[in-house]
PDB file of N, CA and C in Angstrom:
ATOM      1  N   MET A   1       6.545 -14.953  -3.985  1.00  0.00           N
ATOM      2  CA  MET A   1       6.439 -14.173  -2.749  1.00  0.00           C
ATOM      3  C   MET A   1       5.054 -14.375  -2.125  1.00  0.00           C
ATOM      4  N   GLU A   2       5.044 -14.584  -0.859  1.00  0.00           N
ATOM      5  CA  GLU A   2       3.810 -14.831  -0.125  1.00  0.00           C
ATOM      6  C   GLU A   2       3.044 -13.523   0.066  1.00  0.00           C
ATOM      7  N   ASP A   3       1.730 -13.574  -0.239  1.00  0.00           N
ATOM      8  CA  ASP A   3       0.913 -12.374  -0.067  1.00  0.00           C
ATOM      9  C   ASP A   3       0.550 -12.229   1.400  1.00  0.00           C
ATOM     10  N   MET A   4       0.427 -10.998   1.861  1.00  0.00           N
ATOM     11  CA  MET A   4       0.063 -10.788   3.256  1.00  0.00           C
ATOM     12  C   MET A   4      -0.750  -9.516   3.393  1.00  0.00           C
ATOM     13  N   ILE A   5      -1.559  -9.480   4.440  1.00  0.00           N
ATOM     14  CA  ILE A   5      -2.330  -8.271   4.708  1.00  0.00           C
ATOM     15  C   ILE A   5      -1.381  -7.201   5.217  1.00  0.00           C
ATOM     16  N   ILE A   6      -1.408  -6.050   4.553  1.00  0.00           N
ATOM     17  CA  ILE A   6      -0.607  -4.909   4.994  1.00  0.00           C
ATOM     18  C   ILE A   6      -1.465  -4.031   5.903  1.00  0.00           C
ATOM     19  N   CYS A   7      -2.689  -3.750   5.447  1.00  0.00           N
ATOM     20  CA  CYS A   7      -3.597  -2.894   6.203  1.00  0.00           C
ATOM     21  C   CYS A   7      -4.699  -3.752   6.818  1.00  0.00           C
ATOM     22  N   HIS A   8      -4.582  -4.001   8.108  1.00  0.00           N
ATOM     23  CA  HIS A   8      -5.569  -4.853   8.788  1.00  0.00           C
ATOM     24  C   HIS A   8      -6.921  -4.159   8.924  1.00  0.00           C
ATOM     25  N   CYS A   9      -6.923  -2.849   9.122  1.00  0.00           N
ATOM     26  CA  CYS A   9      -8.193  -2.108   9.277  1.00  0.00           C
ATOM     27  C   CYS A   9      -9.086  -2.297   8.050  1.00  0.00           C
ATOM     28  N   MET A  10      -8.479  -2.188   6.883  1.00  0.00           N
ATOM     29  CA  MET A  10      -9.236  -2.215   5.625  1.00  0.00           C
ATOM     30  C   MET A  10      -9.069  -3.541   4.871  1.00  0.00           C
ATOM     31  N   GLU A  11      -8.317  -4.473   5.462  1.00  0.00           N
ATOM     32  CA  GLU A  11      -8.033  -5.772   4.839  1.00  0.00           C
ATOM     33  C   GLU A  11      -7.481  -5.628   3.425  1.00  0.00           C
ATOM     34  N   VAL A  12      -6.414  -4.856   3.310  1.00  0.00           N
ATOM     35  CA  VAL A  12      -5.767  -4.665   2.014  1.00  0.00           C
ATOM     36  C   VAL A  12      -4.482  -5.489   1.988  1.00  0.00           C
ATOM     37  N   TYR A  13      -4.359  -6.323   0.953  1.00  0.00           N
ATOM     38  CA  TYR A  13      -3.188  -7.191   0.806  1.00  0.00           C
ATOM     39  C   TYR A  13      -2.068  -6.490   0.057  1.00  0.00           C
ATOM     40  N   LYS A  14      -0.856  -6.978   0.291  1.00  0.00           N
ATOM     41  CA  LYS A  14       0.320  -6.429  -0.380  1.00  0.00           C
ATOM     42  C   LYS A  14       0.161  -6.458  -1.895  1.00  0.00           C
ATOM     43  N   SER A  15      -0.384  -7.549  -2.423  1.00  0.00           N
ATOM     44  CA  SER A  15      -0.541  -7.682  -3.882  1.00  0.00           C
ATOM     45  C   SER A  15      -1.424  -6.575  -4.450  1.00  0.00           C
ATOM     46  N   GLU A  16      -2.463  -6.172  -3.711  1.00  0.00           N
ATOM     47  CA  GLU A  16      -3.358  -5.106  -4.173  1.00  0.00           C
ATOM     48  C   GLU A  16      -2.613  -3.776  -4.216  1.00  0.00           C
ATOM     49  N   ILE A  17      -1.790  -3.539  -3.194  1.00  0.00           N
ATOM     50  CA  ILE A  17      -1.028  -2.290  -3.117  1.00  0.00           C
ATOM     51  C   ILE A  17      -0.001  -2.233  -4.245  1.00  0.00           C
ATOM     52  N   VAL A  18       0.719  -3.332  -4.453  1.00  0.00           N
ATOM     53  CA  VAL A  18       1.729  -3.407  -5.509  1.00  0.00           C
ATOM     54  C   VAL A  18       1.082  -3.163  -6.874  1.00  0.00           C
ATOM     55  N   LYS A  19      -0.052  -3.798  -7.111  1.00  0.00           N
ATOM     56  CA  LYS A  19      -0.761  -3.663  -8.387  1.00  0.00           C
ATOM     57  C   LYS A  19      -1.165  -2.204  -8.607  1.00  0.00           C
ATOM     58  N   ALA A  20      -1.713  -1.570  -7.576  1.00  0.00           N
ATOM     59  CA  ALA A  20      -2.148  -0.175  -7.703  1.00  0.00           C
ATOM     60  C   ALA A  20      -0.964   0.748  -7.976  1.00  0.00           C
ATOM     61  N   ILE A  21       0.138   0.537  -7.269  1.00  0.00           N
ATOM     62  CA  ILE A  21       1.333   1.369  -7.460  1.00  0.00           C
ATOM     63  C   ILE A  21       1.825   1.248  -8.896  1.00  0.00           C
ATOM     64  N   LYS A  22       1.907   0.010  -9.401  1.00  0.00           N
ATOM     65  CA  LYS A  22       2.436  -0.215 -10.744  1.00  0.00           C
ATOM     66  C   LYS A  22       1.482   0.286 -11.824  1.00  0.00           C
ATOM     67  N   GLU A  23       0.197   0.031 -11.671  1.00  0.00           N
ATOM     68  CA  GLU A  23      -0.773   0.419 -12.704  1.00  0.00           C
ATOM     69  C   GLU A  23      -1.026   1.911 -12.745  1.00  0.00           C
ATOM     70  N   LYS A  24      -1.025   2.560 -11.583  1.00  0.00           N
ATOM     71  CA  LYS A  24      -1.396   3.967 -11.524  1.00  0.00           C
ATOM     72  C   LYS A  24      -0.191   4.891 -11.328  1.00  0.00           C
ATOM     73  N   GLY A  25       0.995   4.303 -11.179  1.00  0.00           N
ATOM     74  CA  GLY A  25       2.189   5.124 -10.985  1.00  0.00           C
ATOM     75  C   GLY A  25       2.160   5.919  -9.693  1.00  0.00           C
ATOM     76  N   LEU A  26       1.670   5.296  -8.620  1.00  0.00           N
ATOM     77  CA  LEU A  26       1.545   5.985  -7.339  1.00  0.00           C
ATOM     78  C   LEU A  26       2.918   6.253  -6.728  1.00  0.00           C
ATOM     79  N   LYS A  27       3.028   7.396  -6.049  1.00  0.00           N
ATOM     80  CA  LYS A  27       4.312   7.812  -5.478  1.00  0.00           C
ATOM     81  C   LYS A  27       4.261   8.025  -3.970  1.00  0.00           C
ATOM     82  N   THR A  28       3.061   8.190  -3.390  1.00  0.00           N
ATOM     83  CA  THR A  28       2.981   8.525  -1.971  1.00  0.00           C
ATOM     84  C   THR A  28       2.024   7.601  -1.231  1.00  0.00           C
ATOM     85  N   VAL A  29       2.191   7.562   0.081  1.00  0.00           N
ATOM     86  CA  VAL A  29       1.305   6.788   0.949  1.00  0.00           C
ATOM     87  C   VAL A  29      -0.134   7.298   0.794  1.00  0.00           C
ATOM     88  N   GLU A  30      -0.285   8.612   0.647  1.00  0.00           N
ATOM     89  CA  GLU A  30      -1.617   9.212   0.490  1.00  0.00           C
ATOM     90  C   GLU A  30      -2.293   8.714  -0.782  1.00  0.00           C
ATOM     91  N   GLU A  31      -1.525   8.659  -1.877  1.00  0.00           N
ATOM     92  CA  GLU A  31      -2.087   8.177  -3.145  1.00  0.00           C
ATOM     93  C   GLU A  31      -2.504   6.713  -3.033  1.00  0.00           C
ATOM     94  N   VAL A  32      -1.692   5.920  -2.355  1.00  0.00           N
ATOM     95  CA  VAL A  32      -2.044   4.508  -2.144  1.00  0.00           C
ATOM     96  C   VAL A  32      -3.336   4.423  -1.333  1.00  0.00           C
ATOM     97  N   GLY A  33      -3.468   5.294  -0.338  1.00  0.00           N
ATOM     98  CA  GLY A  33      -4.681   5.315   0.478  1.00  0.00           C
ATOM     99  C   GLY A  33      -5.916   5.668  -0.327  1.00  0.00           C
ATOM    100  N   GLU A  34      -5.777   6.662  -1.205  1.00  0.00           N
ATOM    101  CA  GLU A  34      -6.906   7.076  -2.041  1.00  0.00           C
ATOM    102  C   GLU A  34      -7.316   5.946  -2.981  1.00  0.00           C
ATOM    103  N   GLU A  35      -6.333   5.224  -3.479  1.00  0.00           N
ATOM    104  CA  GLU A  35      -6.581   4.191  -4.485  1.00  0.00           C
ATOM    105  C   GLU A  35      -7.088   2.885  -3.852  1.00  0.00           C
ATOM    106  N   THR A  36      -6.546   2.515  -2.684  1.00  0.00           N
ATOM    107  CA  THR A  36      -6.831   1.180  -2.122  1.00  0.00           C
ATOM    108  C   THR A  36      -7.484   1.220  -0.736  1.00  0.00           C
ATOM    109  N   ASN A  37      -7.542   2.391  -0.123  1.00  0.00           N
ATOM    110  CA  ASN A  37      -7.987   2.577   1.277  1.00  0.00           C
ATOM    111  C   ASN A  37      -6.965   2.105   2.303  1.00  0.00           C
ATOM    112  N   ALA A  38      -5.854   1.535   1.866  1.00  0.00           N
ATOM    113  CA  ALA A  38      -4.818   1.090   2.807  1.00  0.00           C
ATOM    114  C   ALA A  38      -4.236   2.295   3.532  1.00  0.00           C
ATOM    115  N   GLY A  39      -4.052   2.172   4.837  1.00  0.00           N
ATOM    116  CA  GLY A  39      -3.443   3.248   5.615  1.00  0.00           C
ATOM    117  C   GLY A  39      -4.420   4.323   6.040  1.00  0.00           C
ATOM    118  N   THR A  40      -5.700   4.149   5.718  1.00  0.00           N
ATOM    119  CA  THR A  40      -6.678   5.193   6.031  1.00  0.00           C
ATOM    120  C   THR A  40      -7.452   4.901   7.317  1.00  0.00           C
ATOM    121  N   GLY A  41      -7.180   3.747   7.947  1.00  0.00           N
ATOM    122  CA  GLY A  41      -7.829   3.429   9.218  1.00  0.00           C
ATOM    123  C   GLY A  41      -7.008   3.994  10.356  1.00  0.00           C
ATOM    124  N   CYS A  42      -6.302   3.132  11.075  1.00  0.00           N
ATOM    125  CA  CYS A  42      -5.514   3.586  12.228  1.00  0.00           C
ATOM    126  C   CYS A  42      -4.206   4.241  11.806  1.00  0.00           C
ATOM    127  N   GLY A  43      -3.748   3.958  10.573  1.00  0.00           N
ATOM    128  CA  GLY A  43      -2.509   4.548  10.071  1.00  0.00           C
ATOM    129  C   GLY A  43      -1.266   3.779  10.458  1.00  0.00           C
ATOM    130  N   GLY A  44      -1.427   2.687  11.184  1.00  0.00           N
ATOM    131  CA  GLY A  44      -0.280   1.922  11.665  1.00  0.00           C
ATOM    132  C   GLY A  44       0.538   1.250  10.578  1.00  0.00           C
ATOM    133  N   CYS A  45      -0.052   1.079   9.393  1.00  0.00           N
ATOM    134  CA  CYS A  45       0.654   0.383   8.315  1.00  0.00           C
ATOM    135  C   CYS A  45       1.310   1.346   7.336  1.00  0.00           C
ATOM    136  N   GLN A  46       1.269   2.640   7.616  1.00  0.00           N
ATOM    137  CA  GLN A  46       1.798   3.602   6.643  1.00  0.00           C
ATOM    138  C   GLN A  46       3.291   3.429   6.383  1.00  0.00           C
ATOM    139  N   ASP A  47       4.046   3.015   7.396  1.00  0.00           N
ATOM    140  CA  ASP A  47       5.474   2.744   7.185  1.00  0.00           C
ATOM    141  C   ASP A  47       5.663   1.558   6.244  1.00  0.00           C
ATOM    142  N   ASP A  48       4.787   0.547   6.388  1.00  0.00           N
ATOM    143  CA  ASP A  48       4.864  -0.629   5.506  1.00  0.00           C
ATOM    144  C   ASP A  48       4.521  -0.241   4.067  1.00  0.00           C
ATOM    145  N   ILE A  49       3.522   0.620   3.916  1.00  0.00           N
ATOM    146  CA  ILE A  49       3.149   1.094   2.574  1.00  0.00           C
ATOM    147  C   ILE A  49       4.307   1.870   1.966  1.00  0.00           C
ATOM    148  N   GLN A  50       4.959   2.712   2.762  1.00  0.00           N
ATOM    149  CA  GLN A  50       6.110   3.476   2.271  1.00  0.00           C
ATOM    150  C   GLN A  50       7.229   2.538   1.834  1.00  0.00           C
ATOM    151  N   ALA A  51       7.434   1.463   2.587  1.00  0.00           N
ATOM    152  CA  ALA A  51       8.473   0.485   2.245  1.00  0.00           C
ATOM    153  C   ALA A  51       8.171  -0.183   0.904  1.00  0.00           C
ATOM    154  N   ILE A  52       6.900  -0.476   0.650  1.00  0.00           N
ATOM    155  CA  ILE A  52       6.506  -1.074  -0.633  1.00  0.00           C
ATOM    156  C   ILE A  52       6.728  -0.065  -1.759  1.00  0.00           C
ATOM    157  N   LEU A  53       6.364   1.193  -1.529  1.00  0.00           N
ATOM    158  CA  LEU A  53       6.614   2.246  -2.511  1.00  0.00           C
ATOM    159  C   LEU A  53       8.104   2.351  -2.841  1.00  0.00           C
ATOM    160  N   ASP A  54       8.935   2.343  -1.805  1.00  0.00           N
ATOM    161  CA  ASP A  54      10.390   2.441  -1.999  1.00  0.00           C
ATOM    162  C   ASP A  54      10.912   1.250  -2.796  1.00  0.00           C
ATOM    163  N   GLU A  55      10.372   0.079  -2.487  1.00  0.00           N
ATOM    164  CA  GLU A  55      10.774  -1.167  -3.141  1.00  0.00           C
ATOM    165  C   GLU A  55      10.472  -1.098  -4.637  1.00  0.00           C
ATOM    166  N   ILE A  56       9.300  -0.591  -4.983  1.00  0.00           N
ATOM    167  CA  ILE A  56       8.865  -0.560  -6.383  1.00  0.00           C
ATOM    168  C   ILE A  56       9.445   0.624  -7.139  1.00  0.00           C
ATOM    169  N   ASN A  57       9.420   1.785  -6.526  1.00  0.00           N
ATOM    170  CA  ASN A  57       9.852   3.004  -7.207  1.00  0.00           C
ATOM    171  C   ASN A  57      11.335   3.308  -7.031  1.00  0.00           C
ATOM    172  N   GLY A  58      11.997   2.534  -6.180  1.00  0.00           N
ATOM    173  CA  GLY A  58      13.425   2.726  -5.971  1.00  0.00           C
ATOM    174  C   GLY A  58      13.708   4.020  -5.253  1.00  0.00           C
TER     175      GLY A  58
END
């Protein structure tokens, strides 16, 4: 799977978000933000972060 920037404000890649979710057992967009800073800038990527959470956590 090709890695891509999810959060342009903070330059956070999908791989970083996936790793944080799996290692820390993250469940919410807020937790991902606290852990990686993704979604804490303009907030435009929060739907994408939620989609990654849904993908991993089912």
